[in-house]
Amino acid sequence: MYGDIIDGLTLVGLLSFPAYSLYWVPYHLRRARRRRLWVGLAAFLLWCVATYLCFLRPMLQCMGGHCAGRVSPFLELALAYAGSSAALILLMHGNRARRRD
């Protein structure tokens, strides 16, 4: 059961930010809002850091045999990963909604 929850949260963290970016970046390019693209780049870099810390590093440690059926801290990391992706999406959406051009 915990494995399915962890997998689902990790999938949300892994796929939600890139999917939203496919909408956000073209939106700004079409509307000639290139000045705000730095927000997308910063969010992408933060997502890369979150991906490494919450997904890749624990996965690589497990491949080394250091997890042996443990649930924790993988559940917490999956929650943090999904939460960080949601926070980045909210940050980018809030920036998109502002009309200070």
PDB file of N, CA and C in Angstrom:
ATOM      1  N   MET A   1       0.807  -1.184   0.000  1.00  0.00           N
ATOM      2  CA  MET A   1       0.000   0.000   0.000  1.00  0.00           C
ATOM      3  C   MET A   1       0.861   1.263   0.000  1.00  0.00           C
ATOM      4  N   TYR A   2       1.853   1.328   0.897  1.00  0.00           N
ATOM      5  CA  TYR A   2       2.716   2.510   0.942  1.00  0.00           C
ATOM      6  C   TYR A   2       3.491   2.678  -0.353  1.00  0.00           C
ATOM      7  N   GLY A   3       3.850   1.566  -0.955  1.00  0.00           N
ATOM      8  CA  GLY A   3       4.578   1.629  -2.217  1.00  0.00           C
ATOM      9  C   GLY A   3       3.779   2.319  -3.314  1.00  0.00           C
ATOM     10  N   ASP A   4       2.478   2.039  -3.367  1.00  0.00           N
ATOM     11  CA  ASP A   4       1.628   2.686  -4.365  1.00  0.00           C
ATOM     12  C   ASP A   4       1.490   4.185  -4.108  1.00  0.00           C
ATOM     13  N   ILE A   5       1.373   4.563  -2.842  1.00  0.00           N
ATOM     14  CA  ILE A   5       1.275   5.979  -2.491  1.00  0.00           C
ATOM     15  C   ILE A   5       2.570   6.695  -2.847  1.00  0.00           C
ATOM     16  N   ILE A   6       3.681   6.100  -2.511  1.00  0.00           N
ATOM     17  CA  ILE A   6       4.993   6.688  -2.818  1.00  0.00           C
ATOM     18  C   ILE A   6       5.167   6.826  -4.322  1.00  0.00           C
ATOM     19  N   ASP A   7       4.817   5.780  -5.057  1.00  0.00           N
ATOM     20  CA  ASP A   7       4.934   5.829  -6.516  1.00  0.00           C
ATOM     21  C   ASP A   7       4.043   6.914  -7.119  1.00  0.00           C
ATOM     22  N   GLY A   8       2.818   7.034  -6.624  1.00  0.00           N
ATOM     23  CA  GLY A   8       1.899   8.047  -7.134  1.00  0.00           C
ATOM     24  C   GLY A   8       2.400   9.461  -6.863  1.00  0.00           C
ATOM     25  N   LEU A   9       2.856   9.719  -5.643  1.00  0.00           N
ATOM     26  CA  LEU A   9       3.368  11.043  -5.308  1.00  0.00           C
ATOM     27  C   LEU A   9       4.626  11.375  -6.110  1.00  0.00           C
ATOM     28  N   THR A  10       5.477  10.392  -6.294  1.00  0.00           N
ATOM     29  CA  THR A  10       6.687  10.613  -7.080  1.00  0.00           C
ATOM     30  C   THR A  10       6.335  10.909  -8.527  1.00  0.00           C
ATOM     31  N   LEU A  11       5.361  10.211  -9.054  1.00  0.00           N
ATOM     32  CA  LEU A  11       4.921  10.465 -10.428  1.00  0.00           C
ATOM     33  C   LEU A  11       4.335  11.869 -10.577  1.00  0.00           C
ATOM     34  N   VAL A  12       3.569  12.307  -9.594  1.00  0.00           N
ATOM     35  CA  VAL A  12       3.034  13.675  -9.615  1.00  0.00           C
ATOM     36  C   VAL A  12       4.181  14.679  -9.622  1.00  0.00           C
ATOM     37  N   GLY A  13       5.171  14.468  -8.758  1.00  0.00           N
ATOM     38  CA  GLY A  13       6.313  15.375  -8.702  1.00  0.00           C
ATOM     39  C   GLY A  13       7.138  15.360  -9.970  1.00  0.00           C
ATOM     40  N   LEU A  14       7.263  14.199 -10.566  1.00  0.00           N
ATOM     41  CA  LEU A  14       8.101  14.056 -11.752  1.00  0.00           C
ATOM     42  C   LEU A  14       7.443  14.614 -13.007  1.00  0.00           C
ATOM     43  N   LEU A  15       6.135  14.488 -13.139  1.00  0.00           N
ATOM     44  CA  LEU A  15       5.468  14.845 -14.385  1.00  0.00           C
ATOM     45  C   LEU A  15       4.697  16.163 -14.358  1.00  0.00           C
ATOM     46  N   SER A  16       4.248  16.603 -13.191  1.00  0.00           N
ATOM     47  CA  SER A  16       3.378  17.782 -13.160  1.00  0.00           C
ATOM     48  C   SER A  16       4.099  19.060 -13.563  1.00  0.00           C
ATOM     49  N   PHE A  17       5.296  19.287 -13.068  1.00  0.00           N
ATOM     50  CA  PHE A  17       6.009  20.518 -13.412  1.00  0.00           C
ATOM     51  C   PHE A  17       6.346  20.588 -14.902  1.00  0.00           C
ATOM     52  N   PRO A  18       6.911  19.534 -15.514  1.00  0.00           N
ATOM     53  CA  PRO A  18       7.164  19.618 -16.959  1.00  0.00           C
ATOM     54  C   PRO A  18       5.889  19.801 -17.774  1.00  0.00           C
ATOM     55  N   ALA A  19       4.795  19.182 -17.351  1.00  0.00           N
ATOM     56  CA  ALA A  19       3.532  19.341 -18.087  1.00  0.00           C
ATOM     57  C   ALA A  19       3.047  20.791 -18.006  1.00  0.00           C
ATOM     58  N   TYR A  20       3.134  21.394 -16.845  1.00  0.00           N
ATOM     59  CA  TYR A  20       2.716  22.791 -16.717  1.00  0.00           C
ATOM     60  C   TYR A  20       3.665  23.705 -17.490  1.00  0.00           C
ATOM     61  N   SER A  21       4.936  23.380 -17.517  1.00  0.00           N
ATOM     62  CA  SER A  21       5.909  24.198 -18.253  1.00  0.00           C
ATOM     63  C   SER A  21       5.612  24.207 -19.750  1.00  0.00           C
ATOM     64  N   LEU A  22       5.056  23.106 -20.265  1.00  0.00           N
ATOM     65  CA  LEU A  22       4.685  23.061 -21.679  1.00  0.00           C
ATOM     66  C   LEU A  22       3.582  24.062 -22.005  1.00  0.00           C
ATOM     67  N   TYR A  23       2.819  24.461 -21.013  1.00  0.00           N
ATOM     68  CA  TYR A  23       1.811  25.504 -21.194  1.00  0.00           C
ATOM     69  C   TYR A  23       2.406  26.887 -20.907  1.00  0.00           C
ATOM     70  N   TRP A  24       3.162  26.998 -19.832  1.00  0.00           N
ATOM     71  CA  TRP A  24       3.605  28.292 -19.325  1.00  0.00           C
ATOM     72  C   TRP A  24       4.598  28.986 -20.249  1.00  0.00           C
ATOM     73  N   VAL A  25       5.595  28.275 -20.730  1.00  0.00           N
ATOM     74  CA  VAL A  25       6.631  28.902 -21.568  1.00  0.00           C
ATOM     75  C   VAL A  25       6.041  29.409 -22.890  1.00  0.00           C
ATOM     76  N   PRO A  26       5.304  28.599 -23.650  1.00  0.00           N
ATOM     77  CA  PRO A  26       4.716  29.144 -24.883  1.00  0.00           C
ATOM     78  C   PRO A  26       3.755  30.305 -24.623  1.00  0.00           C
ATOM     79  N   TYR A  27       3.035  30.282 -23.503  1.00  0.00           N
ATOM     80  CA  TYR A  27       2.143  31.383 -23.165  1.00  0.00           C
ATOM     81  C   TYR A  27       2.925  32.696 -23.096  1.00  0.00           C
ATOM     82  N   HIS A  28       4.072  32.658 -22.437  1.00  0.00           N
ATOM     83  CA  HIS A  28       4.879  33.865 -22.308  1.00  0.00           C
ATOM     84  C   HIS A  28       5.554  34.253 -23.618  1.00  0.00           C
ATOM     85  N   LEU A  29       5.911  33.290 -24.417  1.00  0.00           N
ATOM     86  CA  LEU A  29       6.525  33.612 -25.705  1.00  0.00           C
ATOM     87  C   LEU A  29       5.501  34.230 -26.660  1.00  0.00           C
ATOM     88  N   ARG A  30       4.281  33.715 -26.669  1.00  0.00           N
ATOM     89  CA  ARG A  30       3.230  34.267 -27.523  1.00  0.00           C
ATOM     90  C   ARG A  30       2.832  35.673 -27.112  1.00  0.00           C
ATOM     91  N   ARG A  31       2.827  35.947 -25.846  1.00  0.00           N
ATOM     92  CA  ARG A  31       2.370  37.237 -25.336  1.00  0.00           C
ATOM     93  C   ARG A  31       3.506  38.254 -25.220  1.00  0.00           C
ATOM     94  N   ALA A  32       4.660  37.940 -25.783  1.00  0.00           N
ATOM     95  CA  ALA A  32       5.822  38.828 -25.743  1.00  0.00           C
ATOM     96  C   ALA A  32       6.176  39.221 -24.308  1.00  0.00           C
ATOM     97  N   ARG A  33       6.157  38.262 -23.429  1.00  0.00           N
ATOM     98  CA  ARG A  33       6.528  38.493 -22.030  1.00  0.00           C
ATOM     99  C   ARG A  33       7.836  37.794 -21.713  1.00  0.00           C
ATOM    100  N   ARG A  34       8.792  37.990 -22.540  1.00  0.00           N
ATOM    101  CA  ARG A  34      10.073  37.311 -22.374  1.00  0.00           C
ATOM    102  C   ARG A  34      10.798  37.738 -21.105  1.00  0.00           C
ATOM    103  N   ARG A  35      10.446  38.916 -20.581  1.00  0.00           N
ATOM    104  CA  ARG A  35      11.093  39.375 -19.352  1.00  0.00           C
ATOM    105  C   ARG A  35      10.806  38.442 -18.184  1.00  0.00           C
ATOM    106  N   ARG A  36       9.708  37.742 -18.217  1.00  0.00           N
ATOM    107  CA  ARG A  36       9.327  36.863 -17.106  1.00  0.00           C
ATOM    108  C   ARG A  36       9.834  35.431 -17.277  1.00  0.00           C
ATOM    109  N   LEU A  37      10.510  35.152 -18.344  1.00  0.00           N
ATOM    110  CA  LEU A  37      10.993  33.780 -18.545  1.00  0.00           C
ATOM    111  C   LEU A  37      12.035  33.372 -17.510  1.00  0.00           C
ATOM    112  N   TRP A  38      12.653  34.334 -16.848  1.00  0.00           N
ATOM    113  CA  TRP A  38      13.619  33.992 -15.805  1.00  0.00           C
ATOM    114  C   TRP A  38      12.934  33.227 -14.666  1.00  0.00           C
ATOM    115  N   VAL A  39      11.650  33.498 -14.434  1.00  0.00           N
ATOM    116  CA  VAL A  39      10.912  32.773 -13.398  1.00  0.00           C
ATOM    117  C   VAL A  39      10.819  31.294 -13.772  1.00  0.00           C
ATOM    118  N   GLY A  40      10.542  31.017 -15.036  1.00  0.00           N
ATOM    119  CA  GLY A  40      10.483  29.637 -15.498  1.00  0.00           C
ATOM    120  C   GLY A  40      11.829  28.936 -15.395  1.00  0.00           C
ATOM    121  N   LEU A  41      12.902  29.658 -15.720  1.00  0.00           N
ATOM    122  CA  LEU A  41      14.240  29.072 -15.610  1.00  0.00           C
ATOM    123  C   LEU A  41      14.596  28.794 -14.155  1.00  0.00           C
ATOM    124  N   ALA A  42      14.295  29.744 -13.275  1.00  0.00           N
ATOM    125  CA  ALA A  42      14.564  29.528 -11.846  1.00  0.00           C
ATOM    126  C   ALA A  42      13.744  28.360 -11.306  1.00  0.00           C
ATOM    127  N   ALA A  43      12.476  28.288 -11.710  1.00  0.00           N
ATOM    128  CA  ALA A  43      11.621  27.180 -11.263  1.00  0.00           C
ATOM    129  C   ALA A  43      12.141  25.845 -11.790  1.00  0.00           C
ATOM    130  N   PHE A  44      12.626  25.838 -13.021  1.00  0.00           N
ATOM    131  CA  PHE A  44      13.184  24.604 -13.590  1.00  0.00           C
ATOM    132  C   PHE A  44      14.415  24.152 -12.804  1.00  0.00           C
ATOM    133  N   LEU A  45      15.279  25.086 -12.460  1.00  0.00           N
ATOM    134  CA  LEU A  45      16.473  24.728 -11.683  1.00  0.00           C
ATOM    135  C   LEU A  45      16.094  24.209 -10.299  1.00  0.00           C
ATOM    136  N   LEU A  46      15.104  24.838  -9.667  1.00  0.00           N
ATOM    137  CA  LEU A  46      14.636  24.349  -8.367  1.00  0.00           C
ATOM    138  C   LEU A  46      13.998  22.966  -8.488  1.00  0.00           C
ATOM    139  N   TRP A  47      13.276  22.730  -9.587  1.00  0.00           N
ATOM    140  CA  TRP A  47      12.684  21.414  -9.816  1.00  0.00           C
ATOM    141  C   TRP A  47      13.785  20.358 -10.011  1.00  0.00           C
ATOM    142  N   CYS A  48      14.849  20.729 -10.706  1.00  0.00           N
ATOM    143  CA  CYS A  48      15.973  19.805 -10.889  1.00  0.00           C
ATOM    144  C   CYS A  48      16.610  19.449  -9.544  1.00  0.00           C
ATOM    145  N   VAL A  49      16.772  20.440  -8.675  1.00  0.00           N
ATOM    146  CA  VAL A  49      17.325  20.180  -7.347  1.00  0.00           C
ATOM    147  C   VAL A  49      16.387  19.266  -6.561  1.00  0.00           C
ATOM    148  N   ALA A  50      15.090  19.550  -6.592  1.00  0.00           N
ATOM    149  CA  ALA A  50      14.113  18.705  -5.890  1.00  0.00           C
ATOM    150  C   ALA A  50      14.108  17.294  -6.463  1.00  0.00           C
ATOM    151  N   THR A  51      14.236  17.173  -7.782  1.00  0.00           N
ATOM    152  CA  THR A  51      14.272  15.848  -8.406  1.00  0.00           C
ATOM    153  C   THR A  51      15.482  15.060  -7.926  1.00  0.00           C
ATOM    154  N   TYR A  52      16.610  15.730  -7.832  1.00  0.00           N
ATOM    155  CA  TYR A  52      17.803  15.031  -7.357  1.00  0.00           C
ATOM    156  C   TYR A  52      17.654  14.631  -5.888  1.00  0.00           C
ATOM    157  N   LEU A  53      17.257  15.574  -5.045  1.00  0.00           N
ATOM    158  CA  LEU A  53      17.210  15.310  -3.605  1.00  0.00           C
ATOM    159  C   LEU A  53      16.112  14.339  -3.200  1.00  0.00           C
ATOM    160  N   CYS A  54      14.950  14.432  -3.843  1.00  0.00           N
ATOM    161  CA  CYS A  54      13.803  13.634  -3.412  1.00  0.00           C
ATOM    162  C   CYS A  54      13.561  12.386  -4.246  1.00  0.00           C
ATOM    163  N   PHE A  55      14.222  12.260  -5.391  1.00  0.00           N
ATOM    164  CA  PHE A  55      13.953  11.113  -6.268  1.00  0.00           C
ATOM    165  C   PHE A  55      15.233  10.377  -6.659  1.00  0.00           C
ATOM    166  N   LEU A  56      16.152  11.058  -7.306  1.00  0.00           N
ATOM    167  CA  LEU A  56      17.335  10.369  -7.830  1.00  0.00           C
ATOM    168  C   LEU A  56      18.276   9.870  -6.743  1.00  0.00           C
ATOM    169  N   ARG A  57      18.577  10.712  -5.779  1.00  0.00           N
ATOM    170  CA  ARG A  57      19.513  10.302  -4.730  1.00  0.00           C
ATOM    171  C   ARG A  57      18.989   9.111  -3.939  1.00  0.00           C
ATOM    172  N   PRO A  58      17.726   9.128  -3.455  1.00  0.00           N
ATOM    173  CA  PRO A  58      17.225   7.937  -2.751  1.00  0.00           C
ATOM    174  C   PRO A  58      17.175   6.697  -3.637  1.00  0.00           C
ATOM    175  N   MET A  59      16.837   6.892  -4.928  1.00  0.00           N
ATOM    176  CA  MET A  59      16.785   5.751  -5.837  1.00  0.00           C
ATOM    177  C   MET A  59      18.178   5.148  -6.007  1.00  0.00           C
ATOM    178  N   LEU A  60      19.175   5.997  -6.169  1.00  0.00           N
ATOM    179  CA  LEU A  60      20.543   5.496  -6.326  1.00  0.00           C
ATOM    180  C   LEU A  60      21.041   4.839  -5.044  1.00  0.00           C
ATOM    181  N   GLN A  61      20.631   5.351  -3.902  1.00  0.00           N
ATOM    182  CA  GLN A  61      21.009   4.713  -2.638  1.00  0.00           C
ATOM    183  C   GLN A  61      20.370   3.341  -2.505  1.00  0.00           C
ATOM    184  N   CYS A  62      19.128   3.211  -2.978  1.00  0.00           N
ATOM    185  CA  CYS A  62      18.455   1.908  -2.923  1.00  0.00           C
ATOM    186  C   CYS A  62      19.135   0.907  -3.852  1.00  0.00           C
ATOM    187  N   MET A  63      19.609   1.399  -4.987  1.00  0.00           N
ATOM    188  CA  MET A  63      20.313   0.508  -5.903  1.00  0.00           C
ATOM    189  C   MET A  63      21.588  -0.017  -5.256  1.00  0.00           C
ATOM    190  N   GLY A  64      22.127   0.748  -4.325  1.00  0.00           N
ATOM    191  CA  GLY A  64      23.301   0.307  -3.580  1.00  0.00           C
ATOM    192  C   GLY A  64      22.948  -0.625  -2.442  1.00  0.00           C
ATOM    193  N   GLY A  65      21.662  -0.876  -2.213  1.00  0.00           N
ATOM    194  CA  GLY A  65      21.225  -1.821  -1.186  1.00  0.00           C
ATOM    195  C   GLY A  65      21.020  -1.210   0.177  1.00  0.00           C
ATOM    196  N   HIS A  66      20.774   0.085   0.249  1.00  0.00           N
ATOM    197  CA  HIS A  66      20.646   0.735   1.541  1.00  0.00           C
ATOM    198  C   HIS A  66      19.208   0.973   1.980  1.00  0.00           C
ATOM    199  N   CYS A  67      18.227   0.365   1.318  1.00  0.00           N
ATOM    200  CA  CYS A  67      16.848   0.641   1.744  1.00  0.00           C
ATOM    201  C   CYS A  67      16.149  -0.591   2.307  1.00  0.00           C
ATOM    202  N   ALA A  68      16.386  -1.755   1.838  1.00  0.00           N
ATOM    203  CA  ALA A  68      15.931  -3.033   2.408  1.00  0.00           C
ATOM    204  C   ALA A  68      14.507  -3.001   2.965  1.00  0.00           C
ATOM    205  N   GLY A  69      13.534  -2.614   2.136  1.00  0.00           N
ATOM    206  CA  GLY A  69      12.139  -2.677   2.541  1.00  0.00           C
ATOM    207  C   GLY A  69      11.673  -1.539   3.425  1.00  0.00           C
ATOM    208  N   ARG A  70      12.454  -0.520   3.599  1.00  0.00           N
ATOM    209  CA  ARG A  70      12.040   0.618   4.424  1.00  0.00           C
ATOM    210  C   ARG A  70      11.000   1.448   3.679  1.00  0.00           C
ATOM    211  N   VAL A  71      10.051   1.979   4.407  1.00  0.00           N
ATOM    212  CA  VAL A  71       9.082   2.909   3.832  1.00  0.00           C
ATOM    213  C   VAL A  71       9.576   4.324   4.096  1.00  0.00           C
ATOM    214  N   SER A  72       9.974   4.573   5.302  1.00  0.00           N
ATOM    215  CA  SER A  72      10.448   5.903   5.662  1.00  0.00           C
ATOM    216  C   SER A  72      11.938   5.967   5.358  1.00  0.00           C
ATOM    217  N   PRO A  73      12.462   7.004   4.858  1.00  0.00           N
ATOM    218  CA  PRO A  73      11.951   8.347   4.624  1.00  0.00           C
ATOM    219  C   PRO A  73      11.387   8.536   3.214  1.00  0.00           C
ATOM    220  N   PHE A  74      11.151   7.457   2.492  1.00  0.00           N
ATOM    221  CA  PHE A  74      10.721   7.594   1.108  1.00  0.00           C
ATOM    222  C   PHE A  74       9.329   8.203   0.986  1.00  0.00           C
ATOM    223  N   LEU A  75       8.457   7.927   1.928  1.00  0.00           N
ATOM    224  CA  LEU A  75       7.130   8.535   1.902  1.00  0.00           C
ATOM    225  C   LEU A  75       7.247  10.043   2.103  1.00  0.00           C
ATOM    226  N   GLU A  76       8.062  10.457   3.055  1.00  0.00           N
ATOM    227  CA  GLU A  76       8.258  11.883   3.309  1.00  0.00           C
ATOM    228  C   GLU A  76       8.904  12.570   2.105  1.00  0.00           C
ATOM    229  N   LEU A  77       9.858  11.914   1.476  1.00  0.00           N
ATOM    230  CA  LEU A  77      10.506  12.484   0.302  1.00  0.00           C
ATOM    231  C   LEU A  77       9.534  12.599  -0.873  1.00  0.00           C
ATOM    232  N   ALA A  78       8.671  11.603  -1.040  1.00  0.00           N
ATOM    233  CA  ALA A  78       7.674  11.668  -2.109  1.00  0.00           C
ATOM    234  C   ALA A  78       6.684  12.802  -1.850  1.00  0.00           C
ATOM    235  N   LEU A  79       6.290  12.990  -0.593  1.00  0.00           N
ATOM    236  CA  LEU A  79       5.413  14.112  -0.245  1.00  0.00           C
ATOM    237  C   LEU A  79       6.102  15.443  -0.513  1.00  0.00           C
ATOM    238  N   ALA A  80       7.362  15.549  -0.128  1.00  0.00           N
ATOM    239  CA  ALA A  80       8.115  16.788  -0.365  1.00  0.00           C
ATOM    240  C   ALA A  80       8.274  17.045  -1.859  1.00  0.00           C
ATOM    241  N   TYR A  81       8.495  16.004  -2.628  1.00  0.00           N
ATOM    242  CA  TYR A  81       8.685  16.151  -4.072  1.00  0.00           C
ATOM    243  C   TYR A  81       7.399  16.629  -4.745  1.00  0.00           C
ATOM    244  N   ALA A  82       6.278  15.999  -4.423  1.00  0.00           N
ATOM    245  CA  ALA A  82       4.996  16.423  -4.993  1.00  0.00           C
ATOM    246  C   ALA A  82       4.648  17.834  -4.518  1.00  0.00           C
ATOM    247  N   GLY A  83       4.917  18.121  -3.254  1.00  0.00           N
ATOM    248  CA  GLY A  83       4.645  19.455  -2.720  1.00  0.00           C
ATOM    249  C   GLY A  83       5.504  20.527  -3.353  1.00  0.00           C
ATOM    250  N   SER A  84       6.769  20.213  -3.600  1.00  0.00           N
ATOM    251  CA  SER A  84       7.648  21.211  -4.223  1.00  0.00           C
ATOM    252  C   SER A  84       7.226  21.469  -5.670  1.00  0.00           C
ATOM    253  N   SER A  85       6.806  20.446  -6.380  1.00  0.00           N
ATOM    254  CA  SER A  85       6.319  20.652  -7.740  1.00  0.00           C
ATOM    255  C   SER A  85       5.053  21.496  -7.740  1.00  0.00           C
ATOM    256  N   ALA A  86       4.157  21.237  -6.803  1.00  0.00           N
ATOM    257  CA  ALA A  86       2.931  22.036  -6.699  1.00  0.00           C
ATOM    258  C   ALA A  86       3.252  23.485  -6.349  1.00  0.00           C
ATOM    259  N   ALA A  87       4.205  23.699  -5.446  1.00  0.00           N
ATOM    260  CA  ALA A  87       4.583  25.066  -5.069  1.00  0.00           C
ATOM    261  C   ALA A  87       5.194  25.807  -6.249  1.00  0.00           C
ATOM    262  N   LEU A  88       6.017  25.130  -7.036  1.00  0.00           N
ATOM    263  CA  LEU A  88       6.612  25.772  -8.206  1.00  0.00           C
ATOM    264  C   LEU A  88       5.549  26.125  -9.243  1.00  0.00           C
ATOM    265  N   ILE A  89       4.583  25.245  -9.427  1.00  0.00           N
ATOM    266  CA  ILE A  89       3.495  25.523 -10.364  1.00  0.00           C
ATOM    267  C   ILE A  89       2.686  26.734  -9.884  1.00  0.00           C
ATOM    268  N   LEU A  90       2.401  26.787  -8.592  1.00  0.00           N
ATOM    269  CA  LEU A  90       1.669  27.933  -8.053  1.00  0.00           C
ATOM    270  C   LEU A  90       2.460  29.225  -8.201  1.00  0.00           C
ATOM    271  N   LEU A  91       3.762  29.163  -7.996  1.00  0.00           N
ATOM    272  CA  LEU A  91       4.617  30.339  -8.177  1.00  0.00           C
ATOM    273  C   LEU A  91       4.578  30.816  -9.628  1.00  0.00           C
ATOM    274  N   MET A  92       4.716  29.888 -10.544  1.00  0.00           N
ATOM    275  CA  MET A  92       4.705  30.245 -11.959  1.00  0.00           C
ATOM    276  C   MET A  92       3.328  30.756 -12.384  1.00  0.00           C
ATOM    277  N   HIS A  93       2.269  30.142 -11.882  1.00  0.00           N
ATOM    278  CA  HIS A  93       0.924  30.575 -12.241  1.00  0.00           C
ATOM    279  C   HIS A  93       0.637  31.959 -11.664  1.00  0.00           C
ATOM    280  N   GLY A  94       1.075  32.194 -10.442  1.00  0.00           N
ATOM    281  CA  GLY A  94       0.908  33.514  -9.851  1.00  0.00           C
ATOM    282  C   GLY A  94       1.655  34.580 -10.632  1.00  0.00           C
ATOM    283  N   ASN A  95       2.831  34.223 -11.136  1.00  0.00           N
ATOM    284  CA  ASN A  95       3.597  35.153 -11.945  1.00  0.00           C
ATOM    285  C   ASN A  95       2.914  35.385 -13.290  1.00  0.00           C
ATOM    286  N   ARG A  96       2.289  34.374 -13.846  1.00  0.00           N
ATOM    287  CA  ARG A  96       1.586  34.498 -15.119  1.00  0.00           C
ATOM    288  C   ARG A  96       0.364  35.385 -14.970  1.00  0.00           C
ATOM    289  N   ALA A  97      -0.284  35.286 -13.827  1.00  0.00           N
ATOM    290  CA  ALA A  97      -1.529  36.020 -13.631  1.00  0.00           C
ATOM    291  C   ALA A  97      -1.304  37.519 -13.432  1.00  0.00           C
ATOM    292  N   ARG A  98      -0.121  37.903 -13.016  1.00  0.00           N
ATOM    293  CA  ARG A  98       0.150  39.335 -12.835  1.00  0.00           C
ATOM    294  C   ARG A  98       0.171  40.039 -14.160  1.00  0.00           C
ATOM    295  N   ARG A  99      -0.341  41.229 -14.204  1.00  0.00           N
ATOM    296  CA  ARG A  99      -0.437  42.004 -15.444  1.00  0.00           C
ATOM    297  C   ARG A  99       0.419  43.263 -15.357  1.00  0.00           C
ATOM    298  N   ARG A 100       1.677  43.113 -14.992  1.00  0.00           N
ATOM    299  CA  ARG A 100       2.555  44.281 -14.860  1.00  0.00           C
ATOM    300  C   ARG A 100       3.442  44.471 -16.073  1.00  0.00           C
ATOM    301  N   ASP A 101       2.962  44.286 -17.222  1.00  0.00           N
ATOM    302  CA  ASP A 101       3.802  44.451 -18.421  1.00  0.00           C
ATOM    303  C   ASP A 101       3.901  45.874 -18.811  1.00  0.00           C
TER     304      ASP A 101
END
